[in-house]
């Protein structure tokens, strides 16, 4: 499995996360459409006004698709905010524990 973490901070990040929280069912629906989707987490940061999202997919193609979906959702729904681009980190899952 593969993971992508998108970290949002700086200009517009607080407003973006308020919108994401308000539209969480739309965001979840969009991210669940990714082929090979496993899990998604969206969290506010305690270190900045923004936050992070973490998407786990069966393979790298899924995590790359999740980035495309996230960019598309933001351009359609949050272009007026003018948020700075996120820091994007990819990785391969070593342990994926859930309850």
C-alpha atoms as a PDB file:
ATOM      1  CA  UNK A   1       0.000   0.000   0.000  1.00  0.00           C
ATOM      2  CA  UNK A   2       1.043   3.597  -0.598  1.00  0.00           C
ATOM      3  CA  UNK A   3       0.352   6.861   1.229  1.00  0.00           C
ATOM      4  CA  UNK A   4       0.357  10.532   0.330  1.00  0.00           C
ATOM      5  CA  UNK A   5       0.352  13.277   2.943  1.00  0.00           C
ATOM      6  CA  UNK A   6      -0.592  16.823   1.920  1.00  0.00           C
ATOM      7  CA  UNK A   7       0.319  19.506   4.461  1.00  0.00           C
ATOM      8  CA  UNK A   8      -1.372  22.898   4.113  1.00  0.00           C
ATOM      9  CA  UNK A   9      -0.039  25.976   5.876  1.00  0.00           C
ATOM     10  CA  UNK A  10       0.327  29.639   5.147  1.00  0.00           C
ATOM     11  CA  UNK A  11      -1.971  31.802   3.065  1.00  0.00           C
ATOM     12  CA  UNK A  12      -5.595  30.638   3.062  1.00  0.00           C
ATOM     13  CA  UNK A  13      -5.021  27.383   4.928  1.00  0.00           C
ATOM     14  CA  UNK A  14      -7.270  28.246   7.881  1.00  0.00           C
ATOM     15  CA  UNK A  15     -10.099  29.225   5.523  1.00  0.00           C
ATOM     16  CA  UNK A  16      -9.562  26.088   3.427  1.00  0.00           C
ATOM     17  CA  UNK A  17      -9.851  23.797   6.446  1.00  0.00           C
ATOM     18  CA  UNK A  18     -13.014  25.569   7.592  1.00  0.00           C
ATOM     19  CA  UNK A  19     -14.493  24.954   4.130  1.00  0.00           C
ATOM     20  CA  UNK A  20     -13.320  21.318   4.095  1.00  0.00           C
ATOM     21  CA  UNK A  21     -15.000  20.767   7.457  1.00  0.00           C
ATOM     22  CA  UNK A  22     -18.201  22.410   6.222  1.00  0.00           C
ATOM     23  CA  UNK A  23     -18.181  20.269   3.048  1.00  0.00           C
ATOM     24  CA  UNK A  24     -16.815  17.064   4.587  1.00  0.00           C
ATOM     25  CA  UNK A  25     -19.382  14.757   2.987  1.00  0.00           C
ATOM     26  CA  UNK A  26     -18.522  16.146  -0.479  1.00  0.00           C
ATOM     27  CA  UNK A  27     -14.798  15.775   0.216  1.00  0.00           C
ATOM     28  CA  UNK A  28     -15.245  12.195   1.430  1.00  0.00           C
ATOM     29  CA  UNK A  29     -17.335  11.297  -1.615  1.00  0.00           C
ATOM     30  CA  UNK A  30     -14.689  12.701  -3.956  1.00  0.00           C
ATOM     31  CA  UNK A  31     -11.775  10.901  -2.311  1.00  0.00           C
ATOM     32  CA  UNK A  32     -13.653   7.584  -2.067  1.00  0.00           C
ATOM     33  CA  UNK A  33     -13.973   7.645  -5.872  1.00  0.00           C
ATOM     34  CA  UNK A  34     -10.223   6.980  -6.214  1.00  0.00           C
ATOM     35  CA  UNK A  35      -9.465   3.511  -7.581  1.00  0.00           C
ATOM     36  CA  UNK A  36      -7.704   1.447  -4.903  1.00  0.00           C
ATOM     37  CA  UNK A  37      -8.828   3.752  -2.072  1.00  0.00           C
ATOM     38  CA  UNK A  38      -8.145   2.356   1.426  1.00  0.00           C
ATOM     39  CA  UNK A  39      -8.475   5.255   3.892  1.00  0.00           C
ATOM     40  CA  UNK A  40      -8.484   9.030   4.237  1.00  0.00           C
ATOM     41  CA  UNK A  41      -7.775  11.286   7.209  1.00  0.00           C
ATOM     42  CA  UNK A  42      -8.158  15.058   7.367  1.00  0.00           C
ATOM     43  CA  UNK A  43      -6.848  16.841  10.463  1.00  0.00           C
ATOM     44  CA  UNK A  44      -6.290  20.388  11.641  1.00  0.00           C
ATOM     45  CA  UNK A  45      -2.711  21.105  12.610  1.00  0.00           C
ATOM     46  CA  UNK A  46      -1.735  22.170  16.107  1.00  0.00           C
ATOM     47  CA  UNK A  47       1.368  23.823  14.612  1.00  0.00           C
ATOM     48  CA  UNK A  48      -0.267  26.120  12.046  1.00  0.00           C
ATOM     49  CA  UNK A  49      -3.608  27.475  10.889  1.00  0.00           C
ATOM     50  CA  UNK A  50      -3.907  24.714   8.289  1.00  0.00           C
ATOM     51  CA  UNK A  51      -3.723  20.984   8.545  1.00  0.00           C
ATOM     52  CA  UNK A  52      -2.983  17.803   6.723  1.00  0.00           C
ATOM     53  CA  UNK A  53      -4.646  15.088   4.761  1.00  0.00           C
ATOM     54  CA  UNK A  54      -3.441  11.518   4.496  1.00  0.00           C
ATOM     55  CA  UNK A  55      -4.683   9.180   1.796  1.00  0.00           C
ATOM     56  CA  UNK A  56      -3.834   5.477   1.738  1.00  0.00           C
ATOM     57  CA  UNK A  57      -4.370   3.529  -1.475  1.00  0.00           C
ATOM     58  CA  UNK A  58      -3.513   0.068  -2.748  1.00  0.00           C
ATOM     59  CA  UNK A  59      -0.793   1.489  -5.014  1.00  0.00           C
ATOM     60  CA  UNK A  60       1.026   4.650  -6.101  1.00  0.00           C
ATOM     61  CA  UNK A  61      -1.396   5.154  -8.996  1.00  0.00           C
ATOM     62  CA  UNK A  62      -4.165   5.595  -6.407  1.00  0.00           C
ATOM     63  CA  UNK A  63      -2.248   8.133  -4.347  1.00  0.00           C
ATOM     64  CA  UNK A  64      -1.385  10.090  -7.498  1.00  0.00           C
ATOM     65  CA  UNK A  65      -5.063  10.031  -8.500  1.00  0.00           C
ATOM     66  CA  UNK A  66      -6.006  11.292  -5.031  1.00  0.00           C
ATOM     67  CA  UNK A  67      -3.737  14.317  -5.576  1.00  0.00           C
ATOM     68  CA  UNK A  68      -5.479  15.042  -8.874  1.00  0.00           C
ATOM     69  CA  UNK A  69      -8.903  14.736  -7.208  1.00  0.00           C
ATOM     70  CA  UNK A  70      -7.833  17.030  -4.328  1.00  0.00           C
ATOM     71  CA  UNK A  71      -6.502  19.694  -6.719  1.00  0.00           C
ATOM     72  CA  UNK A  72      -9.679  19.475  -8.790  1.00  0.00           C
ATOM     73  CA  UNK A  73     -11.926  19.777  -5.715  1.00  0.00           C
ATOM     74  CA  UNK A  74      -9.999  22.793  -4.435  1.00  0.00           C
ATOM     75  CA  UNK A  75     -10.044  24.536  -7.821  1.00  0.00           C
ATOM     76  CA  UNK A  76     -13.822  23.997  -8.116  1.00  0.00           C
ATOM     77  CA  UNK A  77     -14.792  24.791  -4.532  1.00  0.00           C
ATOM     78  CA  UNK A  78     -12.050  26.896  -2.952  1.00  0.00           C
ATOM     79  CA  UNK A  79     -10.379  28.891  -5.731  1.00  0.00           C
ATOM     80  CA  UNK A  80     -11.666  32.080  -4.097  1.00  0.00           C
ATOM     81  CA  UNK A  81      -9.550  31.346  -1.005  1.00  0.00           C
ATOM     82  CA  UNK A  82      -6.201  31.468  -2.797  1.00  0.00           C
ATOM     83  CA  UNK A  83      -4.539  28.861  -0.580  1.00  0.00           C
ATOM     84  CA  UNK A  84      -0.817  28.176  -0.886  1.00  0.00           C
ATOM     85  CA  UNK A  85       0.087  24.846  -2.531  1.00  0.00           C
ATOM     86  CA  UNK A  86       0.509  22.012  -0.032  1.00  0.00           C
ATOM     87  CA  UNK A  87       3.732  20.215   0.795  1.00  0.00           C
ATOM     88  CA  UNK A  88       3.254  16.723  -0.651  1.00  0.00           C
ATOM     89  CA  UNK A  89       5.016  13.619   0.694  1.00  0.00           C
ATOM     90  CA  UNK A  90       4.681  10.084  -0.712  1.00  0.00           C
ATOM     91  CA  UNK A  91       5.577   6.817   0.976  1.00  0.00           C
ATOM     92  CA  UNK A  92       5.131   3.074   1.082  1.00  0.00           C
ATOM     93  CA  UNK A  93       3.173   1.713   4.039  1.00  0.00           C
ATOM     94  CA  UNK A  94       5.133  -0.410   6.506  1.00  0.00           C
ATOM     95  CA  UNK A  95       2.368  -0.786   9.114  1.00  0.00           C
ATOM     96  CA  UNK A  96      -1.293   0.137   8.688  1.00  0.00           C
ATOM     97  CA  UNK A  97      -3.114  -0.565  11.951  1.00  0.00           C
ATOM     98  CA  UNK A  98      -6.799   0.144  12.487  1.00  0.00           C
ATOM     99  CA  UNK A  99      -9.226  -0.765  15.225  1.00  0.00           C
END
